Protein backbone atom coordinates (compact mmCIF):
# COMPACT_ATOMS: atom_id res chain seq x y z
CA MET A 1 -1.60 -1.37 14.67
CA SER A 2 2.06 -1.71 14.92
CA LYS A 3 4.27 -0.45 11.91
CA SER A 4 6.88 -2.24 10.69
CA PRO A 5 10.43 -0.67 11.28
CA VAL A 6 12.07 1.32 8.53
CA VAL A 7 15.82 1.51 7.76
CA VAL A 8 17.01 5.12 6.47
CA VAL A 9 20.62 4.78 5.16
CA GLY A 10 22.55 7.94 4.84
CA LEU A 11 21.77 10.73 7.45
CA GLY A 12 23.00 13.84 5.93
CA LEU A 13 20.54 16.80 5.58
CA ILE A 14 18.16 15.32 3.43
CA GLY A 15 18.21 11.78 5.13
CA THR A 16 17.96 13.40 8.48
CA SER A 17 14.92 15.15 7.42
CA LEU A 18 13.32 12.12 6.39
CA ALA A 19 14.27 10.06 9.41
CA LYS A 20 12.28 12.79 11.28
CA ARG A 21 9.65 11.98 8.84
CA VAL A 22 9.24 9.10 9.58
CA LEU A 23 9.73 8.74 13.31
CA ASP A 24 7.37 11.21 13.82
CA ALA A 25 4.94 8.96 11.83
CA GLY A 26 5.64 6.09 14.23
CA PHE A 27 7.48 4.02 12.97
CA THR A 28 10.77 2.50 14.36
CA VAL A 29 13.42 3.75 12.60
CA HIS A 30 17.06 2.54 12.47
CA GLY A 31 20.19 4.31 10.49
CA TYR A 32 23.37 4.05 9.38
CA ASP A 33 25.81 6.39 8.28
CA ILE A 34 29.66 6.60 7.97
CA ASP A 35 29.68 9.55 9.36
CA ALA A 36 29.59 9.39 13.34
CA ALA A 37 28.17 13.10 14.02
CA ARG A 38 25.40 12.32 11.70
CA VAL A 39 24.82 9.04 13.48
CA ALA A 40 24.68 10.73 17.06
CA ASN A 41 22.42 13.59 15.74
CA PHE A 42 20.25 10.95 14.62
CA ALA A 43 20.71 8.48 17.91
CA SER A 44 19.22 11.90 19.76
CA LEU A 45 16.12 12.22 17.40
CA GLY A 46 14.94 8.71 18.88
CA GLY A 47 16.54 7.00 15.78
CA ARG A 48 18.41 3.23 16.29
CA PRO A 49 21.83 3.69 15.19
CA ALA A 50 22.76 -0.09 13.09
CA ALA A 51 26.77 -0.41 12.78
CA SER A 52 26.99 -2.13 9.46
CA LEU A 53 25.03 -1.78 6.07
CA ARG A 54 24.77 -6.05 6.96
CA ASP A 55 23.38 -5.11 10.71
CA ALA A 56 20.88 -2.69 9.16
CA GLY A 57 19.99 -4.44 6.29
CA ARG A 58 18.65 -7.51 9.26
CA ALA A 59 17.05 -4.33 11.12
CA ALA A 60 14.15 -4.27 8.76
CA ASP A 61 12.37 -4.81 5.23
CA VAL A 62 11.91 -1.46 4.01
CA PHE A 63 15.31 0.47 3.64
CA VAL A 64 14.96 4.00 2.68
CA LEU A 65 18.01 5.31 0.91
CA SER A 66 19.36 9.17 0.73
CA VAL A 67 23.09 8.58 -0.54
CA PHE A 68 25.27 10.83 -2.47
CA ASN A 69 24.85 9.59 -5.91
CA THR A 70 24.13 6.38 -8.24
CA ASP A 71 27.65 4.81 -7.37
CA GLN A 72 26.62 4.72 -3.77
CA VAL A 73 23.02 3.42 -4.16
CA GLU A 74 24.45 0.54 -6.28
CA ALA A 75 27.04 -0.17 -3.63
CA VAL A 76 24.35 -0.09 -0.50
CA VAL A 77 22.15 -2.70 -2.87
CA GLU A 78 24.34 -4.97 -4.26
CA GLY A 79 28.06 -4.07 -3.88
CA ALA A 80 30.63 -5.42 -1.30
CA GLY A 81 29.76 -4.80 2.41
CA SER A 82 25.87 -4.08 1.46
CA LEU A 83 22.79 -3.85 3.26
CA GLU A 84 22.83 -8.07 2.12
CA LEU A 85 18.59 -7.57 0.69
CA LYS A 86 16.96 -10.71 1.00
CA ARG A 87 13.90 -11.69 -1.07
CA GLY A 88 10.25 -9.47 0.06
CA GLN A 89 12.41 -6.48 1.20
CA SER A 90 12.00 -3.43 -0.54
CA VAL A 91 13.84 -0.48 -1.12
CA ILE A 92 12.86 3.17 -1.40
CA CYS A 93 15.64 5.26 -3.45
CA THR A 94 15.40 8.73 -2.48
CA SER A 95 18.52 10.28 -4.33
CA THR A 96 18.66 11.82 -7.62
CA CYS A 97 20.27 9.23 -9.61
CA ASP A 98 21.04 8.17 -13.13
CA PRO A 99 17.88 6.85 -14.26
CA ASP A 100 19.06 4.67 -16.91
CA ARG A 101 21.54 3.19 -13.88
CA VAL A 102 18.57 2.91 -11.46
CA ALA A 103 16.21 1.27 -14.03
CA ALA A 104 18.91 -1.33 -14.48
CA LEU A 105 19.53 -1.79 -10.70
CA ALA A 106 15.61 -2.54 -10.43
CA ALA A 107 15.92 -4.95 -12.84
CA ARG A 108 18.96 -6.49 -11.58
CA VAL A 109 17.14 -7.06 -8.21
CA ALA A 110 13.93 -8.40 -9.03
CA PRO A 111 14.33 -11.85 -9.71
CA ALA A 112 15.84 -11.95 -6.69
CA GLY A 113 12.18 -11.26 -5.06
CA ILE A 114 13.96 -7.67 -3.85
CA GLY A 115 11.09 -4.49 -4.36
CA PHE A 116 12.95 -1.62 -5.75
CA LEU A 117 11.24 1.94 -5.84
CA GLU A 118 12.74 5.54 -6.98
CA MET A 119 11.29 8.26 -5.04
CA PRO A 120 13.56 11.58 -5.49
CA LEU A 121 11.70 14.45 -3.85
CA SER A 122 11.65 17.75 -4.62
CA GLY A 123 12.40 20.32 -1.87
CA ASN A 124 15.30 21.05 0.31
CA SER A 125 15.62 19.66 3.62
CA ASP A 126 13.47 22.07 5.66
CA GLN A 127 10.62 21.97 3.29
CA ILE A 128 11.04 17.65 3.74
CA THR A 129 10.98 17.80 7.77
CA LEU A 130 7.64 19.58 6.96
CA GLY A 131 6.10 17.13 4.65
CA ASN A 132 6.37 19.79 1.68
CA GLY A 133 8.52 17.74 -0.43
CA ILE A 134 7.26 16.30 -3.58
CA GLY A 135 7.86 13.04 -4.22
CA LEU A 136 8.36 11.51 -7.68
CA VAL A 137 7.71 7.66 -7.95
CA GLY A 138 9.10 5.05 -10.31
CA GLY A 139 8.51 1.35 -10.07
CA THR A 140 5.75 -1.03 -10.72
CA ARG A 141 2.14 0.56 -8.77
CA GLU A 142 1.63 -2.32 -6.70
CA LEU A 143 4.74 -1.69 -4.88
CA MET A 144 4.00 1.68 -4.66
CA GLU A 145 0.33 0.86 -3.09
CA ALA A 146 2.13 -1.92 -0.82
CA GLN A 147 4.30 0.81 0.70
CA ALA A 148 2.00 3.76 0.79
CA PRO A 149 2.61 3.81 4.68
CA VAL A 150 6.04 4.88 4.40
CA LEU A 151 5.51 6.81 1.50
CA GLY A 152 2.92 8.78 3.02
CA ALA A 153 5.19 9.05 5.77
CA LEU A 154 7.53 10.42 4.05
CA CYS A 155 6.09 13.22 2.10
CA LYS A 156 2.36 14.34 1.85
CA GLN A 157 2.24 14.50 -1.98
CA TYR A 158 3.66 11.89 -4.34
CA PHE A 159 3.06 11.52 -7.84
CA TYR A 160 3.42 8.10 -9.86
CA LEU A 161 5.79 8.28 -13.07
CA GLY A 162 5.96 5.05 -14.52
CA ALA A 163 8.60 2.41 -14.50
CA ALA A 164 11.80 2.56 -12.51
CA GLY A 165 14.36 5.51 -14.42
CA ALA A 166 11.14 7.52 -14.91
CA ALA A 167 10.97 9.61 -12.18
CA GLY A 168 14.75 10.16 -12.18
CA ARG A 169 14.19 11.75 -15.55
CA ALA A 170 11.17 14.09 -14.13
CA LYS A 171 13.49 14.53 -11.18
CA LEU A 172 16.39 16.05 -13.13
CA ALA A 173 14.13 18.24 -15.26
CA VAL A 174 12.83 19.54 -11.98
CA ASN A 175 16.20 20.37 -10.64
CA LEU A 176 17.37 21.92 -13.50
CA ILE A 177 14.23 24.08 -13.36
CA GLY A 178 14.68 25.09 -9.58
CA GLY A 179 18.44 25.55 -10.23
CA LEU A 180 18.21 27.90 -12.69
CA ASN A 181 15.00 29.94 -10.86
CA ARG A 182 18.00 30.22 -8.16
CA ALA A 183 19.97 31.58 -10.72
CA VAL A 184 18.07 34.46 -12.39
CA MET A 185 16.73 35.25 -8.45
CA ALA A 186 20.14 35.95 -8.03
CA GLU A 187 21.21 37.76 -10.74
CA GLY A 188 17.93 39.61 -10.59
CA LEU A 189 18.67 40.62 -6.50
CA SER A 190 22.42 41.61 -7.81
CA PHE A 191 21.11 44.18 -10.43
CA ALA A 192 18.38 45.88 -8.10
CA GLU A 193 21.17 45.57 -5.00
CA ALA A 194 23.61 47.43 -7.16
CA MET A 195 21.15 49.96 -8.56
CA GLY A 196 20.70 50.98 -5.00
CA ILE A 197 17.17 49.25 -4.37
CA ASP A 198 16.57 48.13 -1.31
CA LEU A 199 16.42 44.50 -1.50
CA ASP A 200 13.84 43.09 1.22
CA GLY A 201 11.23 45.74 -0.14
CA PHE A 202 12.08 44.72 -3.32
CA LEU A 203 11.72 40.98 -2.75
CA GLU A 204 8.01 41.69 -1.86
CA VAL A 205 7.48 43.38 -5.32
CA LEU A 206 8.85 40.30 -6.73
CA LYS A 207 6.68 37.77 -4.72
CA SER A 208 3.79 39.58 -6.62
CA SER A 209 4.78 40.25 -9.36
CA ALA A 210 5.00 38.32 -13.05
CA ALA A 211 8.13 37.19 -12.14
CA TYR A 212 7.08 35.23 -9.09
CA SER A 213 8.50 31.54 -8.22
CA ARG A 214 8.66 29.49 -4.89
CA THR A 215 11.91 29.96 -5.19
CA MET A 216 11.55 33.75 -3.31
CA ASP A 217 9.98 31.89 -0.43
CA ASN A 218 12.82 29.83 0.82
CA ARG A 219 15.91 31.38 -1.25
CA GLY A 220 14.79 35.03 -1.51
CA SER A 221 15.90 35.93 2.13
CA LYS A 222 18.60 34.08 2.70
CA MET A 223 19.97 35.31 -0.46
CA ILE A 224 19.56 39.01 0.75
CA HIS A 225 21.03 38.70 4.27
CA SER A 226 23.73 36.22 3.37
CA ASP A 227 22.47 33.61 5.23
CA PHE A 228 23.60 30.37 3.50
CA THR A 229 23.30 27.69 6.61
CA PRO A 230 22.73 24.18 4.31
CA HIS A 231 19.36 23.23 3.49
CA ALA A 232 20.80 21.85 0.41
CA LYS A 233 24.20 22.24 -0.67
CA LEU A 234 26.04 23.82 -3.62
CA SER A 235 28.10 20.80 -3.91
CA GLN A 236 24.81 18.68 -4.49
CA SER A 237 23.78 21.19 -7.27
CA ARG A 238 27.16 20.64 -8.93
CA LYS A 239 26.70 16.93 -8.71
CA ASP A 240 22.86 17.03 -10.17
CA PHE A 241 24.00 19.31 -12.99
CA ALA A 242 26.54 16.95 -14.14
CA LEU A 243 24.41 14.25 -14.20
CA MET A 244 21.80 16.49 -16.12
CA HIS A 245 24.40 17.11 -18.86
CA GLU A 246 25.66 13.44 -18.95
CA VAL A 247 21.71 12.40 -19.45
CA ALA A 248 21.01 15.51 -21.99
CA ALA A 249 24.18 14.42 -23.99
CA ARG A 250 22.57 10.70 -24.47
CA VAL A 251 19.47 11.86 -25.52
CA GLY A 252 20.79 15.08 -27.98
CA GLN A 253 19.46 17.78 -25.90
CA GLN A 254 21.75 20.76 -25.40
CA LEU A 255 21.02 22.84 -22.30
CA PRO A 256 22.91 26.46 -22.46
CA LEU A 257 21.31 27.89 -19.46
CA ALA A 258 22.54 25.36 -17.31
CA GLY A 259 26.28 25.78 -18.83
CA LEU A 260 25.93 29.20 -17.70
CA TYR A 261 24.98 28.00 -13.86
CA VAL A 262 27.45 25.32 -13.91
CA GLU A 263 29.90 28.57 -14.44
CA LEU A 264 28.51 30.20 -11.50
CA ILE A 265 28.67 27.10 -9.27
CA GLU A 266 32.23 26.14 -9.92
CA SER A 267 33.30 29.65 -9.36
CA CYS A 268 31.77 29.50 -5.59
CA LEU A 269 33.40 25.91 -5.32
CA ALA A 270 36.75 27.65 -5.91
CA HIS A 271 36.11 29.88 -3.39
CA GLY A 272 35.51 26.73 -0.87
CA GLU A 273 31.82 27.51 -0.82
CA GLY A 274 30.62 23.95 -1.57
CA ASP A 275 29.35 23.01 1.76
CA LEU A 276 26.93 26.46 2.08
CA ASP A 277 23.37 26.52 0.77
CA ASN A 278 22.84 26.60 -2.92
CA SER A 279 21.39 30.48 -2.37
CA ALA A 280 25.18 31.27 -1.91
CA VAL A 281 25.55 31.52 -5.65
CA ILE A 282 24.57 35.31 -5.44
CA ARG A 283 28.36 35.16 -3.71
CA GLU A 284 29.37 35.01 -7.15
CA LEU A 285 27.43 37.51 -8.76
CA ARG A 286 28.34 40.04 -6.64
CA ARG A 287 31.77 39.11 -6.66
CA ARG A 288 31.66 40.36 -10.27
CA ARG A 289 30.26 43.06 -9.67
CA SER A 290 33.23 43.91 -7.60
CA GLU A 291 35.69 42.69 -9.88
CA ALA A 292 34.04 45.42 -12.80
CA GLY A 293 35.19 48.07 -10.17
CA VAL A 294 31.92 49.24 -9.54
CA GLY A 295 29.63 48.65 -6.23
């Protein structure tokens, strides 16, 4: 049985990984991005570029959004020059967004017969390409079940969290823990390095120790060998943590450890490292050792 086409909007690291997943699952995939180089790369994978969002809106009935932030999601769905969605079409939003605004957006488009699911993914671009990202779904169960073929193509495993907004809230908490795991590992590796410990061997010890986290598998070697080819950019982490603080302020929760991590990220950004992989946070810890006149 033939599969209905899918449109991917936003062809950055994550969007391209998602497009690969859907292409490999046998779907015809149309794509749109304002960056010509990203579009050319997408076309080289077998995707079909759309000239505009309006053209993309005519190419399929299911739209996977992988844009930078909530403002862009709202613009793509209902702004000037949007997809111009029609009754019976559905959006699957994979971006990390403000959960309250996503819930409001889903409520606004529902009377027009437009389906809206949020499915932010936990995982970097390499993990997502392999299908090992974890999807967090918010919206109606009925729409989730109707879009199961596309959701299953995007990731091997996903969890239903509740109404629109619920998945975004969970994703912020997941990203908080993941980011702090990276910060802790970077500090631990920097400390071990300063003491003269061989880091490759030490990483193997860490993986077998009570301190183990999956972050060691996908970021440990990158930190040790300063391989900061981006799988998830520092600038994206800064955006996500800013959103965490906004939501935390609404619910009355302080995030003191997140504040310390943001200080490290902002110093990296000030050094022009925003487009590097978020494992590059270790650079700031190494700089601080150097600035102390040791190591």
